[in-house]
Amino acid sequence: MTTTYDEIQQAWKRELQSPELQPLRQGFFKDYASYIKRLKEAQRNLDPKSLKAIVMDEETRRLEQLLTQLVDRRLEKFWTHADKDQSTNLESSEKQVYQDLSGISRHYEKLKEELLQGREPSGPTNRDKTTLLVRFVRDVPSIIKKLSSG
């Protein structure tokens, strides 16, 4: 499905008017990105002073503004309602952001609970262990070489 200015504007209005996270169709942001890309590519082939270029530039500017406000509002709702399950109203590209924010929210709730009970905050929870590749751009002092090989 092709995203249009009207669809984006309607999504923006729904999000601003409702305190709850509003559903977006799957692929909304992907289609939005394609739409912006097409607009910008079409503008490149036009004389910047032509009426068509000016109108397209204004449409692009307004779309960028709408998207910024839409994403910011949705993020605000993620954070405000992180304790509720909102996953059904998420667009696919938002799901990881929501999971991360929910984890942060749970961590802060646990911290608050521990502090209110007079307990020291527990250490960090299990984090995914990742491999870190370190590249030395200068010679390593011999003491470090001996420690790492020993």
C-alpha atoms as a PDB file:
ATOM      1  CA  MET A   1       0.000   0.000   0.000  1.00  0.00           C
ATOM      2  CA  THR A   2       1.280   3.445  -0.841  1.00  0.00           C
ATOM      3  CA  THR A   3       1.423   6.001   1.938  1.00  0.00           C
ATOM      4  CA  THR A   4      -0.131   9.354   1.186  1.00  0.00           C
ATOM      5  CA  TYR A   5       0.014  12.721   2.846  1.00  0.00           C
ATOM      6  CA  ASP A   6      -3.601  12.279   3.999  1.00  0.00           C
ATOM      7  CA  GLU A   7      -2.862   8.915   5.630  1.00  0.00           C
ATOM      8  CA  ILE A   8       0.079  10.387   7.538  1.00  0.00           C
ATOM      9  CA  GLN A   9      -1.943  13.412   8.577  1.00  0.00           C
ATOM     10  CA  GLN A  10      -4.810  11.189   9.791  1.00  0.00           C
ATOM     11  CA  ALA A  11      -2.412   9.038  11.838  1.00  0.00           C
ATOM     12  CA  TRP A  12      -0.921  12.205  13.331  1.00  0.00           C
ATOM     13  CA  LYS A  13      -4.381  13.573  14.247  1.00  0.00           C
ATOM     14  CA  ARG A  14      -5.491  10.284  15.843  1.00  0.00           C
ATOM     15  CA  GLU A  15      -2.311  10.136  17.900  1.00  0.00           C
ATOM     16  CA  LEU A  16      -2.679  13.712  19.152  1.00  0.00           C
ATOM     17  CA  GLN A  17      -6.377  13.370  19.983  1.00  0.00           C
ATOM     18  CA  SER A  18      -6.186  10.127  21.943  1.00  0.00           C
ATOM     19  CA  PRO A  19      -4.419   9.418  25.225  1.00  0.00           C
ATOM     20  CA  GLU A  20      -3.946   5.782  24.115  1.00  0.00           C
ATOM     21  CA  LEU A  21      -1.498   4.535  21.527  1.00  0.00           C
ATOM     22  CA  GLN A  22      -3.287   4.352  18.181  1.00  0.00           C
ATOM     23  CA  PRO A  23      -2.796   1.437  15.796  1.00  0.00           C
ATOM     24  CA  LEU A  24      -0.797   1.936  12.622  1.00  0.00           C
ATOM     25  CA  ARG A  25      -0.957  -0.507   9.767  1.00  0.00           C
ATOM     26  CA  GLN A  26       2.064  -2.764   9.414  1.00  0.00           C
ATOM     27  CA  GLY A  27       4.580  -1.223   7.045  1.00  0.00           C
ATOM     28  CA  PHE A  28       3.419   2.340   7.746  1.00  0.00           C
ATOM     29  CA  PHE A  29       6.894   3.703   8.499  1.00  0.00           C
ATOM     30  CA  LYS A  30       8.519   1.750   5.677  1.00  0.00           C
ATOM     31  CA  ASP A  31       5.978   3.153   3.218  1.00  0.00           C
ATOM     32  CA  TYR A  32       6.433   6.618   4.691  1.00  0.00           C
ATOM     33  CA  ALA A  33      10.192   6.399   4.092  1.00  0.00           C
ATOM     34  CA  SER A  34       9.577   5.340   0.479  1.00  0.00           C
ATOM     35  CA  TYR A  35       7.177   8.228   0.007  1.00  0.00           C
ATOM     36  CA  ILE A  36       9.692  10.772   1.307  1.00  0.00           C
ATOM     37  CA  LYS A  37      12.416   9.220  -0.832  1.00  0.00           C
ATOM     38  CA  ARG A  38      10.247   9.485  -3.962  1.00  0.00           C
ATOM     39  CA  LEU A  39       9.443  13.117  -3.182  1.00  0.00           C
ATOM     40  CA  LYS A  40      13.092  14.011  -2.685  1.00  0.00           C
ATOM     41  CA  GLU A  41      14.168  12.179  -5.843  1.00  0.00           C
ATOM     42  CA  ALA A  42      11.479  13.953  -7.864  1.00  0.00           C
ATOM     43  CA  GLN A  43      12.659  17.297  -6.493  1.00  0.00           C
ATOM     44  CA  ARG A  44      16.222  16.688  -7.658  1.00  0.00           C
ATOM     45  CA  ASN A  45      15.112  16.721 -11.275  1.00  0.00           C
ATOM     46  CA  LEU A  46      13.242  20.013 -10.974  1.00  0.00           C
ATOM     47  CA  ASP A  47      14.352  23.601 -11.165  1.00  0.00           C
ATOM     48  CA  PRO A  48      14.417  24.636  -7.465  1.00  0.00           C
ATOM     49  CA  LYS A  49      12.651  27.895  -8.340  1.00  0.00           C
ATOM     50  CA  SER A  50       9.785  26.259 -10.212  1.00  0.00           C
ATOM     51  CA  LEU A  51       6.343  26.234  -8.645  1.00  0.00           C
ATOM     52  CA  LYS A  52       6.245  22.421  -8.633  1.00  0.00           C
ATOM     53  CA  ALA A  53       9.593  22.232  -6.807  1.00  0.00           C
ATOM     54  CA  ILE A  54       8.460  24.788  -4.235  1.00  0.00           C
ATOM     55  CA  VAL A  55       5.203  22.901  -3.600  1.00  0.00           C
ATOM     56  CA  MET A  56       7.024  19.558  -3.321  1.00  0.00           C
ATOM     57  CA  ASP A  57       9.600  21.079  -0.983  1.00  0.00           C
ATOM     58  CA  GLU A  58       6.826  22.422   1.245  1.00  0.00           C
ATOM     59  CA  GLU A  59       5.062  19.028   1.234  1.00  0.00           C
ATOM     60  CA  THR A  60       8.322  17.305   2.184  1.00  0.00           C
ATOM     61  CA  ARG A  61       8.956  19.794   4.976  1.00  0.00           C
ATOM     62  CA  ARG A  62       5.435  19.331   6.362  1.00  0.00           C
ATOM     63  CA  LEU A  63       5.676  15.543   6.135  1.00  0.00           C
ATOM     64  CA  GLU A  64       8.946  15.606   8.057  1.00  0.00           C
ATOM     65  CA  GLN A  65       7.334  17.800  10.703  1.00  0.00           C
ATOM     66  CA  LEU A  66       4.280  15.499  10.951  1.00  0.00           C
ATOM     67  CA  LEU A  67       6.454  12.422  11.247  1.00  0.00           C
ATOM     68  CA  THR A  68       8.635  13.981  13.931  1.00  0.00           C
ATOM     69  CA  GLN A  69       5.572  14.919  15.970  1.00  0.00           C
ATOM     70  CA  LEU A  70       3.931  11.520  15.370  1.00  0.00           C
ATOM     71  CA  VAL A  71       6.991   9.538  16.464  1.00  0.00           C
ATOM     72  CA  ASP A  72       7.613  11.826  19.454  1.00  0.00           C
ATOM     73  CA  ARG A  73       3.990  11.498  20.587  1.00  0.00           C
ATOM     74  CA  ARG A  74       4.067   7.709  20.224  1.00  0.00           C
ATOM     75  CA  LEU A  75       7.341   7.535  22.158  1.00  0.00           C
ATOM     76  CA  GLU A  76       5.809   9.673  24.902  1.00  0.00           C
ATOM     77  CA  LYS A  77       2.889   7.231  25.091  1.00  0.00           C
ATOM     78  CA  PHE A  78       5.263   4.236  25.176  1.00  0.00           C
ATOM     79  CA  TRP A  79       6.994   5.755  28.160  1.00  0.00           C
ATOM     80  CA  THR A  80       3.855   6.976  29.928  1.00  0.00           C
ATOM     81  CA  HIS A  81       2.072   3.643  29.550  1.00  0.00           C
ATOM     82  CA  ALA A  82       5.077   1.313  29.693  1.00  0.00           C
ATOM     83  CA  ASP A  83       3.383  -0.739  32.407  1.00  0.00           C
ATOM     84  CA  LYS A  84       0.482  -1.604  30.055  1.00  0.00           C
ATOM     85  CA  ASP A  85       0.698  -4.008  27.145  1.00  0.00           C
ATOM     86  CA  GLN A  86       0.520  -1.809  24.058  1.00  0.00           C
ATOM     87  CA  SER A  87       2.117  -4.278  21.680  1.00  0.00           C
ATOM     88  CA  THR A  88      -1.067  -4.739  19.651  1.00  0.00           C
ATOM     89  CA  ASN A  89      -0.989  -1.124  18.458  1.00  0.00           C
ATOM     90  CA  LEU A  90       2.674  -1.101  17.478  1.00  0.00           C
ATOM     91  CA  GLU A  91       3.961  -0.856  13.953  1.00  0.00           C
ATOM     92  CA  SER A  92       6.595  -3.554  13.362  1.00  0.00           C
ATOM     93  CA  SER A  93       9.546  -1.140  13.453  1.00  0.00           C
ATOM     94  CA  GLU A  94       8.439   0.137  16.886  1.00  0.00           C
ATOM     95  CA  LYS A  95       8.373  -3.230  18.661  1.00  0.00           C
ATOM     96  CA  GLN A  96      12.053  -3.272  19.695  1.00  0.00           C
ATOM     97  CA  VAL A  97      11.841   0.314  20.979  1.00  0.00           C
ATOM     98  CA  TYR A  98       8.797  -0.656  23.024  1.00  0.00           C
ATOM     99  CA  GLN A  99      10.527  -3.725  24.467  1.00  0.00           C
ATOM    100  CA  ASP A 100      13.574  -1.655  25.424  1.00  0.00           C
ATOM    101  CA  LEU A 101      11.466   1.052  27.069  1.00  0.00           C
ATOM    102  CA  SER A 102       9.387  -1.534  28.916  1.00  0.00           C
ATOM    103  CA  GLY A 103      12.586  -3.064  30.291  1.00  0.00           C
ATOM    104  CA  ILE A 104      13.830   0.330  31.433  1.00  0.00           C
ATOM    105  CA  SER A 105      10.486   1.069  33.052  1.00  0.00           C
ATOM    106  CA  ARG A 106      10.498  -2.268  34.915  1.00  0.00           C
ATOM    107  CA  HIS A 107      14.050  -1.586  36.108  1.00  0.00           C
ATOM    108  CA  TYR A 108      13.066   1.825  37.495  1.00  0.00           C
ATOM    109  CA  GLU A 109       9.988   0.373  39.195  1.00  0.00           C
ATOM    110  CA  LYS A 110      12.178  -2.282  40.835  1.00  0.00           C
ATOM    111  CA  LEU A 111      14.688   0.388  41.894  1.00  0.00           C
ATOM    112  CA  LYS A 112      11.927   2.524  43.381  1.00  0.00           C
ATOM    113  CA  GLU A 113      10.444  -0.469  45.230  1.00  0.00           C
ATOM    114  CA  GLU A 114      13.831  -1.447  46.697  1.00  0.00           C
ATOM    115  CA  LEU A 115      14.545   2.103  47.837  1.00  0.00           C
ATOM    116  CA  LEU A 116      11.095   2.479  49.409  1.00  0.00           C
ATOM    117  CA  GLN A 117      11.665  -0.765  51.330  1.00  0.00           C
ATOM    118  CA  GLY A 118      14.987   0.535  52.628  1.00  0.00           C
ATOM    119  CA  ARG A 119      17.051  -1.950  50.640  1.00  0.00           C
ATOM    120  CA  GLU A 120      20.130  -1.142  48.660  1.00  0.00           C
ATOM    121  CA  PRO A 121      19.440  -1.224  44.943  1.00  0.00           C
ATOM    122  CA  SER A 122      20.452  -4.527  43.407  1.00  0.00           C
ATOM    123  CA  GLY A 123      23.115  -4.613  40.743  1.00  0.00           C
ATOM    124  CA  PRO A 124      22.416  -4.604  37.059  1.00  0.00           C
ATOM    125  CA  THR A 125      20.284  -7.442  35.786  1.00  0.00           C
ATOM    126  CA  ASN A 126      21.530 -10.030  33.345  1.00  0.00           C
ATOM    127  CA  ARG A 127      22.549  -8.239  30.208  1.00  0.00           C
ATOM    128  CA  ASP A 128      23.135  -9.906  26.920  1.00  0.00           C
ATOM    129  CA  LYS A 129      26.810 -10.617  26.711  1.00  0.00           C
ATOM    130  CA  THR A 130      28.365  -9.449  23.507  1.00  0.00           C
ATOM    131  CA  THR A 131      31.800  -9.799  22.079  1.00  0.00           C
ATOM    132  CA  LEU A 132      33.898  -6.686  21.965  1.00  0.00           C
ATOM    133  CA  LEU A 133      36.579  -6.404  19.354  1.00  0.00           C
ATOM    134  CA  VAL A 134      39.433  -4.107  20.312  1.00  0.00           C
ATOM    135  CA  ARG A 135      41.852  -2.903  17.696  1.00  0.00           C
ATOM    136  CA  PHE A 136      45.103  -1.323  18.828  1.00  0.00           C
ATOM    137  CA  VAL A 137      46.226   1.471  16.562  1.00  0.00           C
ATOM    138  CA  ARG A 138      49.530   1.970  18.345  1.00  0.00           C
ATOM    139  CA  ASP A 139      52.158  -0.418  19.667  1.00  0.00           C
ATOM    140  CA  VAL A 140      51.152  -2.007  22.954  1.00  0.00           C
ATOM    141  CA  PRO A 141      53.668  -1.671  25.817  1.00  0.00           C
ATOM    142  CA  SER A 142      55.550  -4.907  26.472  1.00  0.00           C
ATOM    143  CA  ILE A 143      54.036  -5.338  29.947  1.00  0.00           C
ATOM    144  CA  ILE A 144      50.563  -5.620  28.432  1.00  0.00           C
ATOM    145  CA  LYS A 145      51.812  -8.072  25.826  1.00  0.00           C
ATOM    146  CA  LYS A 146      53.243 -10.288  28.584  1.00  0.00           C
ATOM    147  CA  LEU A 147      50.052 -10.121  30.668  1.00  0.00           C
ATOM    148  CA  SER A 148      47.807 -11.019  27.768  1.00  0.00           C
ATOM    149  CA  SER A 149      49.930 -13.948  26.581  1.00  0.00           C
ATOM    150  CA  GLY A 150      50.669 -15.323  30.032  1.00  0.00           C
END
